[in-house]
């Protein structure tokens, strides 16, 4: 019998930023350690939110519905 295929990856930028973004990283001590290690290593991009775009793009794409 063949294995059943799982659900395919449906990427969402807002979920990615809320989970792996700078504010999410810096809110817990483990995330702050991640940021510290990446700074020491010399990474150009520390988190997922830093490679997204300008503030204007963020405001336009991530306005919450009221």
N, C-alpha and C. Protein backbone atom coordinates (compact mmCIF):
# COMPACT_ATOMS: atom_id res chain seq x y z
N UNK A 1 0.84 -1.18 0.00
CA UNK A 1 0.00 0.00 0.00
C UNK A 1 0.88 1.25 0.00
N UNK A 2 0.54 2.23 -0.80
CA UNK A 2 1.33 3.45 -0.92
C UNK A 2 1.05 4.40 0.25
N UNK A 3 2.05 5.22 0.55
CA UNK A 3 1.88 6.21 1.60
C UNK A 3 0.94 7.30 1.12
N UNK A 4 0.18 7.84 2.05
CA UNK A 4 -0.73 8.94 1.72
C UNK A 4 0.06 10.24 1.71
N UNK A 5 -0.18 11.07 0.71
CA UNK A 5 0.52 12.34 0.62
C UNK A 5 -0.09 13.35 1.59
N UNK A 6 0.78 14.10 2.28
CA UNK A 6 0.33 15.10 3.23
C UNK A 6 -0.08 16.38 2.53
N UNK A 7 -0.55 17.34 3.32
CA UNK A 7 -0.94 18.61 2.72
C UNK A 7 0.29 19.35 2.18
N UNK A 8 0.12 20.02 1.06
CA UNK A 8 1.24 20.74 0.47
C UNK A 8 1.45 22.05 1.21
N UNK A 9 2.63 22.59 1.09
CA UNK A 9 3.01 23.82 1.77
C UNK A 9 2.29 25.01 1.15
N UNK A 10 1.53 25.74 1.98
CA UNK A 10 0.81 26.93 1.53
C UNK A 10 1.41 28.13 2.24
N UNK A 11 2.43 28.75 1.66
CA UNK A 11 3.15 29.80 2.38
C UNK A 11 2.30 31.05 2.63
N UNK A 12 2.50 31.64 3.81
CA UNK A 12 1.84 32.89 4.16
C UNK A 12 2.90 33.80 4.78
N UNK A 13 3.10 34.97 4.18
CA UNK A 13 4.13 35.88 4.67
C UNK A 13 3.82 36.39 6.08
N UNK A 14 2.55 36.65 6.34
CA UNK A 14 2.20 37.20 7.65
C UNK A 14 2.42 36.17 8.76
N UNK A 15 2.09 34.90 8.51
CA UNK A 15 2.33 33.86 9.52
C UNK A 15 3.82 33.66 9.74
N UNK A 16 4.58 33.72 8.65
CA UNK A 16 6.03 33.56 8.75
C UNK A 16 6.66 34.67 9.60
N UNK A 17 6.21 35.91 9.37
CA UNK A 17 6.78 37.03 10.12
C UNK A 17 6.35 36.99 11.57
N UNK A 18 5.11 36.63 11.83
CA UNK A 18 4.63 36.58 13.22
C UNK A 18 5.32 35.47 14.00
N UNK A 19 5.71 34.40 13.33
CA UNK A 19 6.34 33.28 14.02
C UNK A 19 7.85 33.43 14.12
N UNK A 20 8.49 33.90 13.05
CA UNK A 20 9.95 33.94 12.99
C UNK A 20 10.51 35.35 12.84
N UNK A 21 9.68 36.36 13.00
CA UNK A 21 10.13 37.74 12.83
C UNK A 21 10.92 38.26 14.01
N UNK A 22 11.39 39.50 13.89
CA UNK A 22 12.25 40.10 14.91
C UNK A 22 11.54 40.23 16.25
N UNK A 23 10.29 40.68 16.23
CA UNK A 23 9.56 40.86 17.49
C UNK A 23 9.29 39.53 18.18
N UNK A 24 9.02 38.50 17.39
CA UNK A 24 8.80 37.18 17.97
C UNK A 24 10.10 36.63 18.56
N UNK A 25 11.21 36.85 17.86
CA UNK A 25 12.51 36.38 18.37
C UNK A 25 12.91 37.10 19.65
N UNK A 26 12.71 38.41 19.66
CA UNK A 26 13.20 39.19 20.80
C UNK A 26 12.27 39.12 22.01
N UNK A 27 11.13 38.46 21.90
CA UNK A 27 10.20 38.41 23.03
C UNK A 27 10.58 37.34 24.05
N UNK A 28 11.38 36.35 23.67
CA UNK A 28 11.76 35.29 24.60
C UNK A 28 13.29 35.19 24.66
N UNK A 29 13.79 34.66 25.75
CA UNK A 29 15.25 34.59 25.92
C UNK A 29 15.88 33.64 24.92
N UNK A 30 15.19 32.59 24.51
CA UNK A 30 15.75 31.69 23.51
C UNK A 30 15.88 32.37 22.16
N UNK A 31 14.88 33.20 21.83
CA UNK A 31 14.93 33.95 20.58
C UNK A 31 16.03 34.99 20.59
N UNK A 32 16.23 35.63 21.76
CA UNK A 32 17.32 36.60 21.87
C UNK A 32 18.67 35.92 21.71
N UNK A 33 18.78 34.68 22.18
CA UNK A 33 20.02 33.93 21.98
C UNK A 33 20.24 33.63 20.49
N UNK A 34 19.16 33.34 19.77
CA UNK A 34 19.25 33.11 18.33
C UNK A 34 19.79 34.35 17.64
N UNK A 35 19.21 35.52 17.99
CA UNK A 35 19.65 36.77 17.39
C UNK A 35 21.13 37.04 17.71
N UNK A 36 21.52 36.76 18.95
CA UNK A 36 22.90 36.98 19.35
C UNK A 36 23.85 36.11 18.54
N UNK A 37 23.51 34.83 18.37
CA UNK A 37 24.35 33.91 17.60
C UNK A 37 24.46 34.36 16.14
N UNK A 38 23.35 34.83 15.58
CA UNK A 38 23.37 35.25 14.18
C UNK A 38 24.18 36.54 14.00
N UNK A 39 24.14 37.44 15.00
CA UNK A 39 24.97 38.64 14.94
C UNK A 39 26.45 38.28 15.00
N UNK A 40 26.81 37.37 15.90
CA UNK A 40 28.20 36.95 16.04
C UNK A 40 28.70 36.30 14.76
N UNK A 41 27.85 35.53 14.13
CA UNK A 41 28.22 34.85 12.89
C UNK A 41 28.34 35.82 11.72
N UNK A 42 27.68 36.98 11.84
CA UNK A 42 27.77 37.99 10.79
C UNK A 42 26.71 37.86 9.71
N UNK A 43 25.56 37.35 10.09
CA UNK A 43 24.48 37.20 9.12
C UNK A 43 23.98 38.55 8.63
N UNK A 44 23.70 38.65 7.34
CA UNK A 44 23.15 39.88 6.78
C UNK A 44 21.70 40.05 7.21
N UNK A 45 20.96 38.95 7.29
CA UNK A 45 19.55 38.99 7.67
C UNK A 45 19.40 38.23 8.99
N UNK A 46 18.96 38.92 10.02
CA UNK A 46 18.82 38.28 11.33
C UNK A 46 17.54 37.47 11.43
N UNK A 47 16.45 37.98 10.84
CA UNK A 47 15.16 37.30 10.98
C UNK A 47 14.41 37.34 9.66
N UNK A 48 13.27 36.67 9.66
CA UNK A 48 12.44 36.62 8.46
C UNK A 48 11.86 37.99 8.12
N UNK A 49 11.64 38.83 9.14
CA UNK A 49 11.02 40.12 8.86
C UNK A 49 11.99 41.11 8.22
N UNK A 50 13.30 40.89 8.39
CA UNK A 50 14.27 41.84 7.85
C UNK A 50 14.43 41.69 6.34
N UNK A 51 14.06 40.55 5.77
CA UNK A 51 14.22 40.38 4.33
C UNK A 51 12.92 40.59 3.58
N UNK A 52 11.89 41.09 4.27
CA UNK A 52 10.59 41.23 3.62
C UNK A 52 10.51 42.45 2.73
N UNK A 53 10.87 43.61 3.23
CA UNK A 53 10.77 44.81 2.40
C UNK A 53 10.70 46.06 3.23
N UNK A 54 10.24 47.12 2.63
CA UNK A 54 10.20 48.42 3.31
C UNK A 54 9.02 48.49 4.26
N UNK A 55 9.04 49.51 5.11
CA UNK A 55 7.95 49.69 6.07
C UNK A 55 6.63 49.94 5.34
N UNK A 56 6.69 50.65 4.21
CA UNK A 56 5.48 50.94 3.46
C UNK A 56 4.84 49.65 2.95
N UNK A 57 5.66 48.72 2.45
CA UNK A 57 5.13 47.45 1.99
C UNK A 57 4.48 46.68 3.13
N UNK A 58 5.12 46.69 4.30
CA UNK A 58 4.59 45.98 5.46
C UNK A 58 3.24 46.54 5.85
N UNK A 59 3.16 47.89 5.92
CA UNK A 59 1.90 48.52 6.30
C UNK A 59 0.79 48.17 5.32
N UNK A 60 1.13 48.16 4.04
CA UNK A 60 0.14 47.91 3.01
C UNK A 60 -0.35 46.47 3.06
N UNK A 61 0.57 45.52 3.28
CA UNK A 61 0.19 44.12 3.17
C UNK A 61 -0.32 43.51 4.47
N UNK A 62 0.00 44.15 5.61
CA UNK A 62 -0.33 43.53 6.88
C UNK A 62 -1.32 44.32 7.71
N UNK A 63 -2.16 45.11 7.07
CA UNK A 63 -3.20 45.81 7.81
C UNK A 63 -4.20 44.78 8.33
N UNK A 64 -4.44 44.86 9.59
CA UNK A 64 -5.39 43.92 10.18
C UNK A 64 -6.82 44.37 9.88
N UNK A 65 -7.66 43.40 9.66
CA UNK A 65 -9.08 43.72 9.44
C UNK A 65 -9.74 44.02 10.75
N UNK A 66 -10.66 44.97 10.72
CA UNK A 66 -11.32 45.36 11.98
C UNK A 66 -12.72 44.82 12.04
